Amino acid sequence: MGRNSYFQFKQFTVHQGQCAMKVTTDACVFGALAEAIAPQRILDIGTGTGLLSLMLAQRYHAPIDAVELDEAAAQQASQNFRLSPWSSNLHLHQGAIQEFTPSTSYDLIVTNPPFFGNQLPSQNPEKRNAWHQTTLGSRELAEAISRLLSKEGKGWVLLPPKEASTFQSHAQAVGLRLHCQIAHHSFRESEPHLCTMAWGKEAINPVATELVYYKDAKKSLTEKMRDLLTPYYMFL
C-alpha cells in the first residue's frame, strides 16, 4: 500500500488527499489488532486519515472521538467519516490531545503516533508534524492516555522498537501497566520493525507475542495476517 489517493476496503473507502499520514499495511494491521471487551467509548489520538476510527467503527457500535492536530488531515478524516456507513458514531475534534478535555473516560484508546523522534525532521511542516515528535512526545502521549483511559480500559500504541522502549518508561511513570506486546516482523528471520503495545491501569501479567507478515520472498501473507485483514480488505 502506498501512493494511491484512496483505498477501497470492504465496507469503507479511505481518501488520503494531502494528508501527510498515508494508509499503510502497518496501520491496517494495528487497527485489526487493537481491541477491548464491549467498549462504550473509543478514542483515536492523531487520527490522520481516520483509518483506525473507521476500522474500529466496523467492529464496535460505540461512539468514537478522533483527535487530530493538523488541519488538512482533520479535514480529510472528517470527509472520510461523512462518507462512511458509521458517520453518526464518528466525531472529529481538531486540536492537540493535551488540550482535549472530554466529560468521560474511554474504554478503548488507539494511537499510531509520530515515529522517528531522534531523526532529522522533514522540511515540510505537515510531514514534520506527522512523522516526528515535534508536537506530541512519548511523555505527553503517555500522560494523555493515562488521563483519558477508563479504569478497565485498554490503550493501544504502535511504535518502532526503540521508541516503544522510551514510551514504556513514560507509561510506567504515569501508572500505566503493560498488558500485551506484539513484535511485528516482515519475515520470520527479520528483526522486528514495529511494536504494538496494549496498556491498562490494572496490573496483570503481560503477554508477549510475535506477528510475521510474509511467509516468502513473494510477500505472500501468513495465515495470521490473512485472518487479521480479511474482514477489511476487498482483495487479499
Protein backbone atom coordinates (compact mmCIF):
# COMPACT_ATOMS: atom_id res chain seq x y z
CA MET A 1 0.00 0.00 0.00
CA GLY A 2 1.41 3.40 -0.76
CA ARG A 3 0.69 6.03 -3.40
CA ASN A 4 -2.99 5.71 -4.30
CA SER A 5 -5.22 8.69 -3.49
CA TYR A 6 -7.73 6.34 -1.86
CA PHE A 7 -8.02 2.76 -0.61
CA GLN A 8 -11.16 0.69 -1.01
CA PHE A 9 -11.93 -1.66 1.85
CA LYS A 10 -14.92 -3.99 2.09
CA GLN A 11 -17.18 -1.54 3.88
CA PHE A 12 -15.48 1.83 3.57
CA THR A 13 -13.14 3.92 1.43
CA VAL A 14 -10.23 5.91 2.85
CA HIS A 15 -9.42 9.03 0.84
CA GLN A 16 -5.94 10.37 1.59
CA GLY A 17 -5.84 13.74 -0.22
CA GLN A 18 -2.96 15.87 1.04
CA CYS A 19 -2.79 14.16 4.43
CA ALA A 20 0.84 13.50 5.39
CA MET A 21 -0.09 10.31 7.25
CA LYS A 22 -0.92 7.82 4.47
CA VAL A 23 -2.64 4.46 4.76
CA THR A 24 -0.06 1.72 5.29
CA THR A 25 -0.12 -2.02 5.83
CA ASP A 26 1.29 -1.48 9.34
CA ALA A 27 -1.57 0.87 10.26
CA CYS A 28 -4.15 -1.61 8.94
CA VAL A 29 -2.57 -4.41 10.96
CA PHE A 30 -2.59 -2.23 14.07
CA GLY A 31 -6.25 -1.36 13.55
CA ALA A 32 -7.10 -5.05 13.30
CA LEU A 33 -5.12 -5.89 16.45
CA ALA A 34 -6.49 -3.18 18.75
CA GLU A 35 -9.43 -4.43 20.77
CA ALA A 36 -11.36 -4.19 24.01
CA ILE A 37 -14.32 -6.02 25.55
CA ALA A 38 -17.54 -4.18 24.63
CA PRO A 39 -16.10 -0.65 24.79
CA GLN A 40 -18.63 2.07 25.50
CA ARG A 41 -16.47 4.93 24.22
CA ILE A 42 -13.44 4.89 21.90
CA LEU A 43 -10.71 7.48 21.32
CA ASP A 44 -8.33 7.73 18.35
CA ILE A 45 -5.37 10.03 19.09
CA GLY A 46 -3.81 11.55 15.96
CA THR A 47 -6.35 10.05 13.59
CA GLY A 48 -4.70 11.19 10.31
CA THR A 49 -6.95 9.95 7.50
CA GLY A 50 -9.30 8.39 10.06
CA LEU A 51 -8.32 4.83 9.15
CA LEU A 52 -8.19 3.42 12.69
CA SER A 53 -11.50 5.00 13.65
CA LEU A 54 -13.14 3.54 10.55
CA MET A 55 -11.78 0.06 11.26
CA LEU A 56 -12.98 0.21 14.85
CA ALA A 57 -16.38 1.55 13.79
CA GLN A 58 -16.79 -1.56 11.65
CA ARG A 59 -16.37 -3.76 14.76
CA TYR A 60 -17.87 -1.73 17.59
CA HIS A 61 -21.09 0.29 17.89
CA ALA A 62 -19.63 2.70 20.46
CA PRO A 63 -19.20 6.41 19.70
CA ILE A 64 -15.66 7.22 18.54
CA ASP A 65 -13.86 10.52 19.15
CA ALA A 66 -10.97 11.16 16.76
CA VAL A 67 -8.49 13.91 17.64
CA GLU A 68 -6.18 15.40 15.01
CA LEU A 69 -3.95 18.47 15.29
CA ASP A 70 -3.18 19.03 11.59
CA GLU A 71 -5.91 20.98 9.78
CA ALA A 72 -5.54 19.25 6.40
CA ALA A 73 -5.56 15.80 7.98
CA ALA A 74 -8.57 16.69 10.13
CA GLN A 75 -10.49 17.83 7.04
CA GLN A 76 -9.62 14.59 5.24
CA ALA A 77 -10.68 12.45 8.20
CA SER A 78 -13.92 14.41 8.51
CA GLN A 79 -14.69 13.74 4.85
CA ASN A 80 -13.93 10.03 5.25
CA PHE A 81 -16.20 9.86 8.28
CA ARG A 82 -19.09 11.56 6.46
CA LEU A 83 -18.84 9.12 3.56
CA SER A 84 -18.72 6.02 5.77
CA PRO A 85 -21.65 3.86 6.92
CA TRP A 86 -20.93 4.85 10.54
CA SER A 87 -20.91 8.65 10.26
CA SER A 88 -23.26 9.07 13.22
CA ASN A 89 -20.77 7.35 15.55
CA LEU A 90 -17.64 9.17 14.34
CA HIS A 91 -16.74 12.57 15.77
CA LEU A 92 -13.71 14.58 14.64
CA HIS A 93 -12.01 17.04 17.01
CA GLN A 94 -9.29 19.27 15.59
CA GLY A 95 -6.69 20.27 18.14
CA ALA A 96 -3.96 18.99 20.43
CA ILE A 97 -4.69 15.95 22.59
CA GLN A 98 -3.08 17.83 25.51
CA GLU A 99 -5.99 20.28 25.34
CA PHE A 100 -8.73 17.70 24.74
CA THR A 101 -10.97 17.55 27.82
CA PRO A 102 -13.97 15.23 27.32
CA SER A 103 -16.56 14.73 30.04
CA THR A 104 -15.92 10.97 30.40
CA SER A 105 -13.10 8.47 30.01
CA TYR A 106 -12.58 5.89 27.25
CA ASP A 107 -12.63 2.09 27.32
CA LEU A 108 -10.50 1.80 24.19
CA ILE A 109 -7.80 4.24 23.06
CA VAL A 110 -5.73 3.76 19.90
CA THR A 111 -2.83 5.80 18.61
CA ASN A 112 -0.34 5.43 15.79
CA PRO A 113 1.84 8.35 16.92
CA PRO A 114 4.73 10.17 15.20
CA PHE A 115 7.75 7.97 14.52
CA PHE A 116 11.41 8.89 14.18
CA GLY A 117 11.73 11.01 17.32
CA ASN A 118 15.53 11.22 17.11
CA GLN A 119 15.99 11.60 13.35
CA LEU A 120 16.38 14.70 11.19
CA PRO A 121 12.95 16.37 10.75
CA SER A 122 11.44 16.94 7.32
CA GLN A 123 11.42 20.47 5.89
CA ASN A 124 7.72 20.01 5.05
CA PRO A 125 5.77 21.22 8.13
CA GLU A 126 2.88 18.77 7.60
CA LYS A 127 5.21 15.79 7.26
CA ARG A 128 7.32 17.10 10.14
CA ASN A 129 4.33 17.13 12.47
CA ALA A 130 3.09 13.76 11.18
CA TRP A 131 6.35 11.82 11.30
CA HIS A 132 8.34 13.49 14.07
CA GLN A 133 7.65 14.02 17.73
CA THR A 134 7.59 17.81 17.48
CA THR A 135 4.03 18.25 18.71
CA LEU A 136 3.47 15.11 20.78
CA GLY A 137 6.31 13.30 22.53
CA SER A 138 6.26 9.97 24.36
CA ARG A 139 5.79 11.56 27.77
CA GLU A 140 2.88 13.72 26.63
CA LEU A 141 1.25 10.76 24.91
CA ALA A 142 1.58 8.55 27.99
CA GLU A 143 0.10 11.29 30.16
CA ALA A 144 -2.82 11.74 27.76
CA ILE A 145 -3.61 8.01 27.70
CA SER A 146 -3.40 7.80 31.49
CA ARG A 147 -5.69 10.82 31.87
CA LEU A 148 -8.31 9.65 29.37
CA LEU A 149 -8.34 5.86 29.87
CA SER A 150 -11.06 4.27 31.99
CA LYS A 151 -10.14 2.06 34.94
CA GLU A 152 -10.72 -1.16 32.99
CA GLY A 153 -9.89 0.21 29.54
CA LYS A 154 -7.07 -0.57 27.13
CA GLY A 155 -4.78 1.89 25.39
CA TRP A 156 -3.10 0.58 22.22
CA VAL A 157 0.08 2.17 20.85
CA LEU A 158 2.10 1.39 17.68
CA LEU A 159 5.78 2.40 17.68
CA PRO A 160 9.18 1.24 16.38
CA PRO A 161 11.12 -0.83 18.96
CA LYS A 162 13.41 1.98 20.13
CA GLU A 163 10.55 4.47 20.57
CA ALA A 164 8.47 1.74 22.20
CA SER A 165 11.13 1.30 24.88
CA THR A 166 11.13 5.04 25.57
CA PHE A 167 7.34 5.15 25.70
CA GLN A 168 7.28 2.20 28.10
CA SER A 169 9.34 4.14 30.63
CA HIS A 170 7.00 7.14 30.46
CA ALA A 171 3.88 4.97 30.57
CA GLN A 172 5.01 3.18 33.71
CA ALA A 173 5.90 6.51 35.31
CA VAL A 174 2.28 7.70 34.98
CA GLY A 175 0.80 4.49 36.36
CA LEU A 176 0.02 2.54 33.20
CA ARG A 177 0.64 -1.21 33.17
CA LEU A 178 1.70 -3.24 30.14
CA HIS A 179 -0.92 -5.84 29.20
CA CYS A 180 0.26 -7.05 25.81
CA GLN A 181 3.24 -6.58 23.49
CA ILE A 182 3.35 -7.75 19.88
CA ALA A 183 6.53 -7.62 17.81
CA HIS A 184 5.94 -7.02 14.08
CA HIS A 185 8.27 -8.92 11.70
CA SER A 186 8.19 -8.61 7.92
CA PHE A 187 9.63 -12.14 7.67
CA ARG A 188 10.28 -14.84 10.24
CA GLU A 189 14.03 -14.26 10.18
CA SER A 190 13.90 -10.45 10.16
CA GLU A 191 14.24 -8.17 13.15
CA PRO A 192 11.02 -6.57 14.41
CA HIS A 193 10.34 -3.22 12.75
CA LEU A 194 7.36 -2.21 14.91
CA CYS A 195 5.85 -2.98 18.28
CA THR A 196 2.18 -2.93 19.25
CA MET A 197 1.57 -2.43 22.97
CA ALA A 198 -1.65 -2.57 24.98
CA TRP A 199 -1.72 -0.64 28.26
CA GLY A 200 -4.17 -0.54 31.14
CA LYS A 201 -4.48 0.68 34.72
CA GLU A 202 -4.81 -2.76 36.26
CA ALA A 203 -1.69 -4.81 36.95
CA ILE A 204 -1.69 -8.14 35.08
CA ASN A 205 0.93 -10.49 33.71
CA PRO A 206 1.75 -9.08 30.25
CA VAL A 207 1.56 -11.32 27.20
CA ALA A 208 4.38 -11.10 24.63
CA THR A 209 3.75 -12.43 21.11
CA GLU A 210 5.03 -12.01 17.54
CA LEU A 211 3.31 -11.32 14.23
CA VAL A 212 5.04 -12.30 10.97
CA TYR A 213 3.66 -10.58 7.85
CA TYR A 214 5.04 -12.62 4.95
CA LYS A 215 5.92 -16.28 4.52
CA ASP A 216 8.13 -15.98 1.42
CA ALA A 217 10.07 -13.56 -0.78
CA LYS A 218 6.98 -13.01 -2.93
CA LYS A 219 5.36 -11.43 0.14
CA SER A 220 2.60 -13.99 0.41
CA LEU A 221 0.72 -13.21 3.61
CA THR A 222 0.92 -15.60 6.54
CA GLU A 223 -2.30 -17.21 7.75
CA LYS A 224 -2.34 -14.95 10.80
CA MET A 225 -2.15 -11.87 8.61
CA ARG A 226 -4.94 -13.15 6.41
CA ASP A 227 -7.12 -13.80 9.45
CA LEU A 228 -6.47 -10.26 10.71
CA LEU A 229 -7.07 -8.40 7.46
CA THR A 230 -9.74 -10.46 5.65
CA PRO A 231 -12.62 -8.66 7.44
CA TYR A 232 -11.44 -5.35 5.94
CA TYR A 233 -9.74 -5.89 2.58
CA MET A 234 -11.75 -6.31 -0.61
CA PHE A 235 -8.91 -8.28 -2.20
CA LEU A 236 -6.29 -10.22 -0.25
